[in-house]
C-alpha atoms as a PDB file:
ATOM      1  CA  MET A   1      44.278  33.001  40.494  1.00  0.00           C
ATOM      2  CA  SER A   2      40.870  31.350  39.959  1.00  0.00           C
ATOM      3  CA  SER A   3      38.904  30.889  36.419  1.00  0.00           C
ATOM      4  CA  LEU A   4      35.718  32.346  35.457  1.00  0.00           C
ATOM      5  CA  SER A   5      33.106  29.574  34.618  1.00  0.00           C
ATOM      6  CA  LYS A   6      29.886  29.811  32.717  1.00  0.00           C
ATOM      7  CA  LEU A   7      27.903  26.280  34.517  1.00  0.00           C
ATOM      8  CA  TYR A   8      24.106  25.888  33.041  1.00  0.00           C
ATOM      9  CA  ASN A   9      21.215  24.605  34.396  1.00  0.00           C
ATOM     10  CA  VAL A  10      21.267  22.134  30.635  1.00  0.00           C
ATOM     11  CA  GLY A  11      17.895  19.785  32.132  1.00  0.00           C
ATOM     12  CA  LYS A  12      15.972  23.222  32.224  1.00  0.00           C
ATOM     13  CA  LEU A  13      17.203  23.832  28.996  1.00  0.00           C
ATOM     14  CA  ILE A  14      16.290  20.412  27.331  1.00  0.00           C
ATOM     15  CA  TYR A  15      12.728  19.292  29.818  1.00  0.00           C
ATOM     16  CA  PRO A  16      10.661  21.259  27.711  1.00  0.00           C
ATOM     17  CA  LYS A  17      12.281  19.179  23.957  1.00  0.00           C
ATOM     18  CA  LEU A  18      11.621  15.888  26.493  1.00  0.00           C
ATOM     19  CA  SER A  19       8.171  16.287  27.959  1.00  0.00           C
ATOM     20  CA  SER A  20       7.024  17.488  24.129  1.00  0.00           C
ATOM     21  CA  VAL A  21       7.218  14.285  23.353  1.00  0.00           C
ATOM     22  CA  CYS A  22       6.005  11.773  26.639  1.00  0.00           C
ATOM     23  CA  SER A  23       5.761  12.519  31.095  1.00  0.00           C
ATOM     24  CA  THR A  24       9.954  13.127  31.167  1.00  0.00           C
ATOM     25  CA  TYR A  25      11.534  12.857  34.798  1.00  0.00           C
ATOM     26  CA  PRO A  26      14.613  13.638  36.269  1.00  0.00           C
ATOM     27  CA  LEU A  27      17.049  11.038  38.324  1.00  0.00           C
ATOM     28  CA  VAL A  28      14.127   8.669  38.673  1.00  0.00           C
ATOM     29  CA  ALA A  29      10.516   7.495  37.709  1.00  0.00           C
ATOM     30  CA  GLU A  30       7.996   6.270  40.634  1.00  0.00           C
ATOM     31  CA  ASN A  31       6.885   2.150  40.197  1.00  0.00           C
ATOM     32  CA  THR A  32       3.066   3.155  39.421  1.00  0.00           C
ATOM     33  CA  THR A  33       4.202   5.274  36.218  1.00  0.00           C
ATOM     34  CA  LYS A  34       2.398   4.722  33.040  1.00  0.00           C
ATOM     35  CA  PHE A  35       4.528   3.936  29.779  1.00  0.00           C
ATOM     36  CA  PRO A  36       5.729   5.516  27.732  1.00  0.00           C
ATOM     37  CA  PHE A  37       7.594   8.267  29.567  1.00  0.00           C
ATOM     38  CA  ILE A  38      11.712   9.227  30.022  1.00  0.00           C
ATOM     39  CA  ILE A  39      14.574   9.189  32.552  1.00  0.00           C
ATOM     40  CA  TYR A  40      16.808  11.842  31.880  1.00  0.00           C
ATOM     41  CA  ARG A  41      20.436  12.606  34.301  1.00  0.00           C
ATOM     42  CA  THR A  42      22.439  15.135  33.141  1.00  0.00           C
ATOM     43  CA  SER A  43      26.782  15.162  34.182  1.00  0.00           C
ATOM     44  CA  ALA A  44      28.811  18.038  34.211  1.00  0.00           C
ATOM     45  CA  THR A  45      32.738  18.003  32.375  1.00  0.00           C
ATOM     46  CA  ARG A  46      35.008  21.111  33.542  1.00  0.00           C
ATOM     47  CA  PRO A  47      37.593  21.059  30.099  1.00  0.00           C
ATOM     48  CA  VAL A  48      40.572  22.921  29.863  1.00  0.00           C
ATOM     49  CA  ASP A  49      41.192  25.867  31.066  1.00  0.00           C
ATOM     50  CA  SER A  50      40.881  28.364  28.577  1.00  0.00           C
ATOM     51  CA  LYS A  51      43.812  31.166  27.536  1.00  0.00           C
ATOM     52  CA  ASP A  52      41.158  33.756  28.981  1.00  0.00           C
ATOM     53  CA  GLY A  53      40.732  31.833  31.808  1.00  0.00           C
ATOM     54  CA  ILE A  54      37.105  32.098  31.179  1.00  0.00           C
ATOM     55  CA  TYR A  55      35.862  27.855  29.943  1.00  0.00           C
ATOM     56  CA  ASP A  56      32.740  26.236  29.637  1.00  0.00           C
ATOM     57  CA  TRP A  57      31.455  22.735  31.020  1.00  0.00           C
ATOM     58  CA  ILE A  58      31.054  20.120  28.858  1.00  0.00           C
ATOM     59  CA  TYR A  59      27.218  18.008  29.758  1.00  0.00           C
ATOM     60  CA  SER A  60      27.027  14.443  29.558  1.00  0.00           C
ATOM     61  CA  VAL A  61      23.153  13.682  28.876  1.00  0.00           C
ATOM     62  CA  GLU A  62      21.723   9.780  29.839  1.00  0.00           C
ATOM     63  CA  ILE A  63      18.114   9.147  28.831  1.00  0.00           C
ATOM     64  CA  LYS A  64      15.824   7.183  28.790  1.00  0.00           C
ATOM     65  CA  VAL A  65      12.954   5.990  26.654  1.00  0.00           C
ATOM     66  CA  VAL A  66      10.668   3.605  28.621  1.00  0.00           C
ATOM     67  CA  SER A  67       7.998   1.792  26.939  1.00  0.00           C
ATOM     68  CA  ASP A  68       6.120  -1.538  26.841  1.00  0.00           C
ATOM     69  CA  LYS A  69       5.677  -1.320  23.175  1.00  0.00           C
ATOM     70  CA  TYR A  70       9.052  -1.537  20.826  1.00  0.00           C
ATOM     71  CA  ASP A  71       7.789   0.644  17.722  1.00  0.00           C
ATOM     72  CA  THR A  72       6.865   2.712  21.218  1.00  0.00           C
ATOM     73  CA  VAL A  73      10.086   3.560  22.880  1.00  0.00           C
ATOM     74  CA  SER A  74      11.700   3.495  18.895  1.00  0.00           C
ATOM     75  CA  ASP A  75       9.284   5.985  17.817  1.00  0.00           C
ATOM     76  CA  LEU A  76       9.307   8.621  20.318  1.00  0.00           C
ATOM     77  CA  SER A  77      13.247   7.864  20.429  1.00  0.00           C
ATOM     78  CA  ILE A  78      13.007   9.725  16.984  1.00  0.00           C
ATOM     79  CA  GLN A  79      11.316  12.253  18.370  1.00  0.00           C
ATOM     80  CA  VAL A  80      13.554  13.312  20.876  1.00  0.00           C
ATOM     81  CA  VAL A  81      16.856  13.691  19.953  1.00  0.00           C
ATOM     82  CA  ASP A  82      15.005  15.399  17.256  1.00  0.00           C
ATOM     83  CA  ASN A  83      13.422  17.966  19.184  1.00  0.00           C
ATOM     84  CA  LEU A  84      17.006  18.095  20.980  1.00  0.00           C
ATOM     85  CA  LEU A  85      18.502  18.967  17.595  1.00  0.00           C
ATOM     86  CA  THR A  86      15.819  22.265  16.993  1.00  0.00           C
ATOM     87  CA  LEU A  87      18.344  23.655  20.078  1.00  0.00           C
ATOM     88  CA  GLU A  88      21.732  23.336  18.566  1.00  0.00           C
ATOM     89  CA  ASP A  89      20.941  27.234  17.689  1.00  0.00           C
ATOM     90  CA  VAL A  90      21.903  28.123  21.011  1.00  0.00           C
ATOM     91  CA  ILE A  91      24.345  24.663  21.894  1.00  0.00           C
ATOM     92  CA  ASP A  92      26.878  22.288  20.514  1.00  0.00           C
ATOM     93  CA  MET A  93      25.418  19.000  21.079  1.00  0.00           C
ATOM     94  CA  GLU A  94      26.910  15.833  19.513  1.00  0.00           C
ATOM     95  CA  VAL A  95      24.152  12.746  19.730  1.00  0.00           C
ATOM     96  CA  GLN A  96      27.290  10.060  21.302  1.00  0.00           C
ATOM     97  CA  ASP A  97      25.310   6.266  20.916  1.00  0.00           C
ATOM     98  CA  VAL A  98      21.780   4.532  21.332  1.00  0.00           C
ATOM     99  CA  SER A  99      21.320   1.515  23.273  1.00  0.00           C
ATOM    100  CA  GLU A 100      18.601  -0.953  24.015  1.00  0.00           C
ATOM    101  CA  ASP A 101      18.037  -3.265  26.491  1.00  0.00           C
ATOM    102  CA  TYR A 102      14.691  -4.749  27.632  1.00  0.00           C
ATOM    103  CA  MET A 103      14.059  -4.973  31.571  1.00  0.00           C
ATOM    104  CA  GLU A 104      11.415  -5.937  33.930  1.00  0.00           C
ATOM    105  CA  ASP A 105       8.695  -6.250  31.125  1.00  0.00           C
ATOM    106  CA  ALA A 106      10.034  -2.685  29.235  1.00  0.00           C
ATOM    107  CA  TYR A 107      12.004  -1.796  26.196  1.00  0.00           C
ATOM    108  CA  VAL A 108      14.090   1.064  27.194  1.00  0.00           C
ATOM    109  CA  ARG A 109      15.803   3.025  25.523  1.00  0.00           C
ATOM    110  CA  THR A 110      18.943   5.173  26.068  1.00  0.00           C
ATOM    111  CA  ILE A 111      20.707   7.778  23.904  1.00  0.00           C
ATOM    112  CA  ASN A 112      23.394   9.397  25.743  1.00  0.00           C
ATOM    113  CA  ILE A 113      25.008  12.945  24.308  1.00  0.00           C
ATOM    114  CA  VAL A 114      27.162  15.992  24.676  1.00  0.00           C
ATOM    115  CA  ILE A 115      26.124  19.390  25.482  1.00  0.00           C
ATOM    116  CA  SER A 116      28.354  21.912  25.128  1.00  0.00           C
ATOM    117  CA  LYS A 117      27.834  25.646  24.965  1.00  0.00           C
END
């Protein structure tokens, strides 16, 4: 007997929230993209089957906020999290961790979240 699954397009769900903060791209931005911008990547894992054979996927989302100014990255990161938290009526979401880096003349703040429906 095969299990039924509920696989969602999480990118379609979060994109409007991210793009309302600044330019947003799935997976990669072109080298000519102007600061600031957001890049996001999603992945899904299937949890253990439930008793009724229906299960929800668990999604990991990596969001990178990129700018040439540290203060901009900090401010936009707060806006990103605040915007995503407005989805809590629709999804279960948890911010797992936040980290910072400086790469190729840009400040990058990475926000990792987990979403379950």
